[in-house]
């Protein structure tokens, strides 16, 4: 598979995710206090939003790269 096709597929996935759920969210744990056997931590959720304009651009670019990757043999 050509590099242009792989990048195009990744851009298509990012565009679809941007339209479907509006971005990526992830959770990470932070340790607040560590006093020997006593540990206090909390989980923090962060969201990386993807704008609709960026989703549209990535979809168009992804389709273009997939077409170019398939046609160039």
PDB file of N, CA and C in Angstrom:
ATOM      1  N   UNK A   1       0.846  -1.168   0.000  1.00  0.00           N
ATOM      2  CA  UNK A   1       0.000   0.000   0.000  1.00  0.00           C
ATOM      3  C   UNK A   1       0.897   1.238   0.000  1.00  0.00           C
ATOM      4  N   UNK A   2       0.565   2.199  -0.801  1.00  0.00           N
ATOM      5  CA  UNK A   2       1.356   3.416  -0.930  1.00  0.00           C
ATOM      6  C   UNK A   2       1.177   4.319   0.288  1.00  0.00           C
ATOM      7  N   UNK A   3       2.179   5.160   0.538  1.00  0.00           N
ATOM      8  CA  UNK A   3       2.140   6.073   1.680  1.00  0.00           C
ATOM      9  C   UNK A   3       0.990   7.068   1.560  1.00  0.00           C
ATOM     10  N   UNK A   4       0.695   7.524   0.355  1.00  0.00           N
ATOM     11  CA  UNK A   4      -0.401   8.475   0.157  1.00  0.00           C
ATOM     12  C   UNK A   4      -1.738   7.842   0.532  1.00  0.00           C
ATOM     13  N   UNK A   5      -1.909   6.573   0.236  1.00  0.00           N
ATOM     14  CA  UNK A   5      -3.144   5.885   0.574  1.00  0.00           C
ATOM     15  C   UNK A   5      -3.296   5.741   2.086  1.00  0.00           C
ATOM     16  N   UNK A   6      -2.222   5.413   2.776  1.00  0.00           N
ATOM     17  CA  UNK A   6      -2.265   5.244   4.231  1.00  0.00           C
ATOM     18  C   UNK A   6      -2.576   6.577   4.912  1.00  0.00           C
ATOM     19  N   UNK A   7      -1.912   7.641   4.481  1.00  0.00           N
ATOM     20  CA  UNK A   7      -2.171   8.964   5.059  1.00  0.00           C
ATOM     21  C   UNK A   7      -3.595   9.402   4.747  1.00  0.00           C
ATOM     22  N   UNK A   8      -4.075   9.101   3.553  1.00  0.00           N
ATOM     23  CA  UNK A   8      -5.446   9.430   3.185  1.00  0.00           C
ATOM     24  C   UNK A   8      -6.464   8.716   4.054  1.00  0.00           C
ATOM     25  N   UNK A   9      -6.218   7.449   4.333  1.00  0.00           N
ATOM     26  CA  UNK A   9      -7.129   6.692   5.201  1.00  0.00           C
ATOM     27  C   UNK A   9      -7.123   7.268   6.613  1.00  0.00           C
ATOM     28  N   UNK A  10      -5.956   7.634   7.125  1.00  0.00           N
ATOM     29  CA  UNK A  10      -5.881   8.245   8.456  1.00  0.00           C
ATOM     30  C   UNK A  10      -6.626   9.577   8.497  1.00  0.00           C
ATOM     31  N   UNK A  11      -6.498  10.387   7.459  1.00  0.00           N
ATOM     32  CA  UNK A  11      -7.228  11.651   7.407  1.00  0.00           C
ATOM     33  C   UNK A  11      -8.735  11.425   7.331  1.00  0.00           C
ATOM     34  N   UNK A  12      -9.148  10.395   6.607  1.00  0.00           N
ATOM     35  CA  UNK A  12     -10.570  10.062   6.557  1.00  0.00           C
ATOM     36  C   UNK A  12     -11.097   9.676   7.934  1.00  0.00           C
ATOM     37  N   UNK A  13     -10.331   8.889   8.665  1.00  0.00           N
ATOM     38  CA  UNK A  13     -10.742   8.465  10.008  1.00  0.00           C
ATOM     39  C   UNK A  13     -10.848   9.679  10.932  1.00  0.00           C
ATOM     40  N   UNK A  14      -9.868  10.581  10.875  1.00  0.00           N
ATOM     41  CA  UNK A  14      -9.901  11.784  11.719  1.00  0.00           C
ATOM     42  C   UNK A  14     -11.116  12.648  11.371  1.00  0.00           C
ATOM     43  N   UNK A  15     -11.419  12.789  10.085  1.00  0.00           N
ATOM     44  CA  UNK A  15     -12.571  13.572   9.669  1.00  0.00           C
ATOM     45  C   UNK A  15     -13.888  12.984  10.146  1.00  0.00           C
ATOM     46  N   UNK A  16     -14.028  11.674  10.032  1.00  0.00           N
ATOM     47  CA  UNK A  16     -15.260  11.016  10.476  1.00  0.00           C
ATOM     48  C   UNK A  16     -15.414  11.126  11.989  1.00  0.00           C
ATOM     49  N   UNK A  17     -14.329  10.929  12.726  1.00  0.00           N
ATOM     50  CA  UNK A  17     -14.380  11.056  14.191  1.00  0.00           C
ATOM     51  C   UNK A  17     -14.718  12.492  14.577  1.00  0.00           C
ATOM     52  N   UNK A  18     -14.165  13.453  13.858  1.00  0.00           N
ATOM     53  CA  UNK A  18     -14.459  14.854  14.149  1.00  0.00           C
ATOM     54  C   UNK A  18     -15.930  15.176  13.979  1.00  0.00           C
ATOM     55  N   UNK A  19     -16.557  14.637  12.939  1.00  0.00           N
ATOM     56  CA  UNK A  19     -17.981  14.884  12.737  1.00  0.00           C
ATOM     57  C   UNK A  19     -18.845  14.056  13.688  1.00  0.00           C
ATOM     58  N   UNK A  20     -18.450  12.830  13.962  1.00  0.00           N
ATOM     59  CA  UNK A  20     -19.288  11.926  14.763  1.00  0.00           C
ATOM     60  C   UNK A  20     -19.304  12.300  16.238  1.00  0.00           C
ATOM     61  N   UNK A  21     -18.122  12.480  16.830  1.00  0.00           N
ATOM     62  CA  UNK A  21     -18.085  12.725  18.273  1.00  0.00           C
ATOM     63  C   UNK A  21     -17.456  14.050  18.653  1.00  0.00           C
ATOM     64  N   UNK A  22     -17.015  14.816  17.689  1.00  0.00           N
ATOM     65  CA  UNK A  22     -16.516  16.155  17.980  1.00  0.00           C
ATOM     66  C   UNK A  22     -15.099  16.227  18.494  1.00  0.00           C
ATOM     67  N   UNK A  23     -14.424  15.121  18.604  1.00  0.00           N
ATOM     68  CA  UNK A  23     -13.041  15.141  19.065  1.00  0.00           C
ATOM     69  C   UNK A  23     -12.668  13.876  19.809  1.00  0.00           C
ATOM     70  N   UNK A  24     -11.494  13.920  20.402  1.00  0.00           N
ATOM     71  CA  UNK A  24     -10.976  12.791  21.167  1.00  0.00           C
ATOM     72  C   UNK A  24     -10.959  13.159  22.643  1.00  0.00           C
ATOM     73  N   UNK A  25     -11.366  12.242  23.503  1.00  0.00           N
ATOM     74  CA  UNK A  25     -11.249  12.478  24.940  1.00  0.00           C
ATOM     75  C   UNK A  25     -10.428  11.344  25.549  1.00  0.00           C
ATOM     76  N   UNK A  26      -9.647  11.696  26.556  1.00  0.00           N
ATOM     77  CA  UNK A  26      -8.807  10.716  27.210  1.00  0.00           C
ATOM     78  C   UNK A  26      -8.739  11.027  28.698  1.00  0.00           C
ATOM     79  N   UNK A  27      -8.462   9.995  29.488  1.00  0.00           N
ATOM     80  CA  UNK A  27      -8.414  10.108  30.945  1.00  0.00           C
ATOM     81  C   UNK A  27      -7.025   9.747  31.423  1.00  0.00           C
ATOM     82  N   UNK A  28      -6.497  10.547  32.338  1.00  0.00           N
ATOM     83  CA  UNK A  28      -5.220  10.218  32.944  1.00  0.00           C
ATOM     84  C   UNK A  28      -5.311  10.447  34.449  1.00  0.00           C
ATOM     85  N   UNK A  29      -4.529   9.686  35.181  1.00  0.00           N
ATOM     86  CA  UNK A  29      -4.551   9.727  36.638  1.00  0.00           C
ATOM     87  C   UNK A  29      -3.394  10.574  37.150  1.00  0.00           C
ATOM     88  N   UNK A  30      -3.707  11.429  38.124  1.00  0.00           N
ATOM     89  CA  UNK A  30      -2.681  12.276  38.727  1.00  0.00           C
ATOM     90  C   UNK A  30      -2.604  11.971  40.223  1.00  0.00           C
ATOM     91  N   UNK A  31      -1.382  11.834  40.713  1.00  0.00           N
ATOM     92  CA  UNK A  31      -1.167  11.585  42.132  1.00  0.00           C
ATOM     93  C   UNK A  31      -1.018  12.926  42.839  1.00  0.00           C
ATOM     94  N   UNK A  32      -1.879  13.185  43.825  1.00  0.00           N
ATOM     95  CA  UNK A  32      -1.852  14.452  44.551  1.00  0.00           C
ATOM     96  C   UNK A  32      -0.961  14.376  45.785  1.00  0.00           C
ATOM     97  N   UNK A  33      -1.156  13.351  46.603  1.00  0.00           N
ATOM     98  CA  UNK A  33      -0.420  13.223  47.859  1.00  0.00           C
ATOM     99  C   UNK A  33       0.117  11.797  47.969  1.00  0.00           C
ATOM    100  N   UNK A  34       1.369  11.670  48.389  1.00  0.00           N
ATOM    101  CA  UNK A  34       1.983  10.363  48.606  1.00  0.00           C
ATOM    102  C   UNK A  34       2.692  10.403  49.954  1.00  0.00           C
ATOM    103  N   UNK A  35       1.990   9.957  51.007  1.00  0.00           N
ATOM    104  CA  UNK A  35       2.540   9.934  52.356  1.00  0.00           C
ATOM    105  C   UNK A  35       2.686   8.497  52.826  1.00  0.00           C
ATOM    106  N   UNK A  36       3.674   7.811  52.318  1.00  0.00           N
ATOM    107  CA  UNK A  36       3.890   6.412  52.692  1.00  0.00           C
ATOM    108  C   UNK A  36       2.759   5.549  52.187  1.00  0.00           C
ATOM    109  N   UNK A  37       2.019   4.896  53.131  1.00  0.00           N
ATOM    110  CA  UNK A  37       0.931   4.019  52.706  1.00  0.00           C
ATOM    111  C   UNK A  37      -0.327   4.776  52.270  1.00  0.00           C
ATOM    112  N   UNK A  38      -0.390   6.071  52.557  1.00  0.00           N
ATOM    113  CA  UNK A  38      -1.559   6.865  52.189  1.00  0.00           C
ATOM    114  C   UNK A  38      -1.272   7.591  50.868  1.00  0.00           C
ATOM    115  N   UNK A  39      -2.091   7.324  49.890  1.00  0.00           N
ATOM    116  CA  UNK A  39      -1.941   7.978  48.594  1.00  0.00           C
ATOM    117  C   UNK A  39      -3.283   8.558  48.169  1.00  0.00           C
ATOM    118  N   UNK A  40      -3.249   9.780  47.719  1.00  0.00           N
ATOM    119  CA  UNK A  40      -4.455  10.443  47.225  1.00  0.00           C
ATOM    120  C   UNK A  40      -4.210  10.800  45.759  1.00  0.00           C
ATOM    121  N   UNK A  41      -5.107  10.341  44.904  1.00  0.00           N
ATOM    122  CA  UNK A  41      -4.993  10.640  43.479  1.00  0.00           C
ATOM    123  C   UNK A  41      -6.381  10.906  42.912  1.00  0.00           C
ATOM    124  N   UNK A  42      -6.394  11.474  41.743  1.00  0.00           N
ATOM    125  CA  UNK A  42      -7.660  11.709  41.061  1.00  0.00           C
ATOM    126  C   UNK A  42      -7.480  11.487  39.561  1.00  0.00           C
ATOM    127  N   UNK A  43      -8.589  11.216  38.911  1.00  0.00           N
ATOM    128  CA  UNK A  43      -8.572  11.023  37.466  1.00  0.00           C
ATOM    129  C   UNK A  43      -9.091  12.292  36.803  1.00  0.00           C
ATOM    130  N   UNK A  44      -8.404  12.678  35.754  1.00  0.00           N
ATOM    131  CA  UNK A  44      -8.765  13.891  35.040  1.00  0.00           C
ATOM    132  C   UNK A  44      -9.046  13.546  33.585  1.00  0.00           C
ATOM    133  N   UNK A  45     -10.180  13.999  33.082  1.00  0.00           N
ATOM    134  CA  UNK A  45     -10.558  13.749  31.702  1.00  0.00           C
ATOM    135  C   UNK A  45     -10.311  15.007  30.881  1.00  0.00           C
ATOM    136  N   UNK A  46      -9.600  14.847  29.787  1.00  0.00           N
ATOM    137  CA  UNK A  46      -9.315  15.962  28.891  1.00  0.00           C
ATOM    138  C   UNK A  46      -9.907  15.652  27.517  1.00  0.00           C
ATOM    139  N   UNK A  47     -10.356  16.691  26.846  1.00  0.00           N
ATOM    140  CA  UNK A  47     -10.939  16.531  25.527  1.00  0.00           C
ATOM    141  C   UNK A  47     -10.170  17.380  24.527  1.00  0.00           C
ATOM    142  N   UNK A  48      -9.843  16.780  23.404  1.00  0.00           N
ATOM    143  CA  UNK A  48      -9.195  17.477  22.306  1.00  0.00           C
ATOM    144  C   UNK A  48     -10.243  17.663  21.213  1.00  0.00           C
ATOM    145  N   UNK A  49     -10.853  18.863  21.135  1.00  0.00           N
ATOM    146  CA  UNK A  49     -11.928  19.058  20.156  1.00  0.00           C
ATOM    147  C   UNK A  49     -11.388  19.177  18.733  1.00  0.00           C
ATOM    148  N   UNK A  50     -12.204  18.739  17.782  1.00  0.00           N
ATOM    149  CA  UNK A  50     -11.882  18.871  16.366  1.00  0.00           C
ATOM    150  C   UNK A  50     -12.993  19.713  15.744  1.00  0.00           C
ATOM    151  N   UNK A  51     -12.634  20.848  15.153  1.00  0.00           N
ATOM    152  CA  UNK A  51     -13.641  21.740  14.589  1.00  0.00           C
ATOM    153  C   UNK A  51     -14.238  21.131  13.315  1.00  0.00           C
ATOM    154  N   UNK A  52     -15.469  21.500  12.994  1.00  0.00           N
ATOM    155  CA  UNK A  52     -16.088  20.992  11.763  1.00  0.00           C
ATOM    156  C   UNK A  52     -15.327  21.407  10.505  1.00  0.00           C
ATOM    157  N   UNK A  53     -14.712  22.582  10.515  1.00  0.00           N
ATOM    158  CA  UNK A  53     -13.933  23.015   9.359  1.00  0.00           C
ATOM    159  C   UNK A  53     -12.723  22.105   9.158  1.00  0.00           C
ATOM    160  N   UNK A  54     -12.045  21.771  10.247  1.00  0.00           N
ATOM    161  CA  UNK A  54     -10.895  20.864  10.161  1.00  0.00           C
ATOM    162  C   UNK A  54     -11.338  19.472   9.731  1.00  0.00           C
ATOM    163  N   UNK A  55     -12.495  19.027  10.195  1.00  0.00           N
ATOM    164  CA  UNK A  55     -13.017  17.725   9.783  1.00  0.00           C
ATOM    165  C   UNK A  55     -13.309  17.691   8.286  1.00  0.00           C
ATOM    166  N   UNK A  56     -13.890  18.768   7.777  1.00  0.00           N
ATOM    167  CA  UNK A  56     -14.193  18.849   6.345  1.00  0.00           C
ATOM    168  C   UNK A  56     -12.916  18.839   5.512  1.00  0.00           C
ATOM    169  N   UNK A  57     -11.927  19.625   5.940  1.00  0.00           N
ATOM    170  CA  UNK A  57     -10.655  19.681   5.213  1.00  0.00           C
ATOM    171  C   UNK A  57      -9.965  18.324   5.219  1.00  0.00           C
ATOM    172  N   UNK A  58      -9.981  17.642   6.373  1.00  0.00           N
ATOM    173  CA  UNK A  58      -9.318  16.335   6.432  1.00  0.00           C
ATOM    174  C   UNK A  58     -10.050  15.291   5.595  1.00  0.00           C
ATOM    175  N   UNK A  59     -11.379  15.367   5.530  1.00  0.00           N
ATOM    176  CA  UNK A  59     -12.122  14.433   4.680  1.00  0.00           C
ATOM    177  C   UNK A  59     -11.798  14.652   3.203  1.00  0.00           C
ATOM    178  N   UNK A  60     -11.781  15.900   2.766  1.00  0.00           N
ATOM    179  CA  UNK A  60     -11.497  16.195   1.358  1.00  0.00           C
ATOM    180  C   UNK A  60     -10.064  15.793   1.013  1.00  0.00           C
ATOM    181  N   UNK A  61      -9.126  16.136   1.891  1.00  0.00           N
ATOM    182  CA  UNK A  61      -7.726  15.771   1.646  1.00  0.00           C
ATOM    183  C   UNK A  61      -7.546  14.253   1.671  1.00  0.00           C
ATOM    184  N   UNK A  62      -8.247  13.572   2.580  1.00  0.00           N
ATOM    185  CA  UNK A  62      -8.153  12.121   2.659  1.00  0.00           C
ATOM    186  C   UNK A  62      -8.665  11.441   1.410  1.00  0.00           C
ATOM    187  N   UNK A  63      -9.802  11.898   0.898  1.00  0.00           N
ATOM    188  CA  UNK A  63     -10.341  11.327  -0.338  1.00  0.00           C
ATOM    189  C   UNK A  63      -9.375  11.582  -1.489  1.00  0.00           C
ATOM    190  N   UNK A  64      -8.817  12.786  -1.549  1.00  0.00           N
ATOM    191  CA  UNK A  64      -7.861  13.105  -2.609  1.00  0.00           C
ATOM    192  C   UNK A  64      -6.627  12.228  -2.550  1.00  0.00           C
ATOM    193  N   UNK A  65      -6.086  12.030  -1.362  1.00  0.00           N
ATOM    194  CA  UNK A  65      -4.882  11.194  -1.231  1.00  0.00           C
ATOM    195  C   UNK A  65      -5.166   9.731  -1.538  1.00  0.00           C
ATOM    196  N   UNK A  66      -6.323   9.235  -1.148  1.00  0.00           N
ATOM    197  CA  UNK A  66      -6.665   7.845  -1.460  1.00  0.00           C
ATOM    198  C   UNK A  66      -6.799   7.677  -2.972  1.00  0.00           C
ATOM    199  N   UNK A  67      -7.435   8.622  -3.635  1.00  0.00           N
ATOM    200  CA  UNK A  67      -7.588   8.534  -5.095  1.00  0.00           C
ATOM    201  C   UNK A  67      -6.213   8.599  -5.766  1.00  0.00           C
ATOM    202  N   UNK A  68      -5.363   9.515  -5.331  1.00  0.00           N
ATOM    203  CA  UNK A  68      -4.018   9.623  -5.918  1.00  0.00           C
ATOM    204  C   UNK A  68      -3.198   8.359  -5.648  1.00  0.00           C
ATOM    205  N   UNK A  69      -3.319   7.804  -4.446  1.00  0.00           N
ATOM    206  CA  UNK A  69      -2.564   6.593  -4.112  1.00  0.00           C
ATOM    207  C   UNK A  69      -3.007   5.382  -4.900  1.00  0.00           C
ATOM    208  N   UNK A  70      -4.302   5.292  -5.195  1.00  0.00           N
ATOM    209  CA  UNK A  70      -4.818   4.154  -5.953  1.00  0.00           C
ATOM    210  C   UNK A  70      -4.470   4.285  -7.434  1.00  0.00           C
ATOM    211  N   UNK A  71      -4.549   5.493  -7.969  1.00  0.00           N
ATOM    212  CA  UNK A  71      -4.301   5.686  -9.402  1.00  0.00           C
ATOM    213  C   UNK A  71      -2.836   5.600  -9.782  1.00  0.00           C
ATOM    214  N   UNK A  72      -1.925   5.975  -8.899  1.00  0.00           N
ATOM    215  CA  UNK A  72      -0.500   5.929  -9.257  1.00  0.00           C
ATOM    216  C   UNK A  72       0.042   4.521  -9.001  1.00  0.00           C
ATOM    217  N   UNK A  73       0.353   3.839 -10.067  1.00  0.00           N
ATOM    218  CA  UNK A  73       0.867   2.476  -9.937  1.00  0.00           C
ATOM    219  C   UNK A  73       2.202   2.339 -10.584  1.00  0.00           C
TER     220      UNK A  73
END
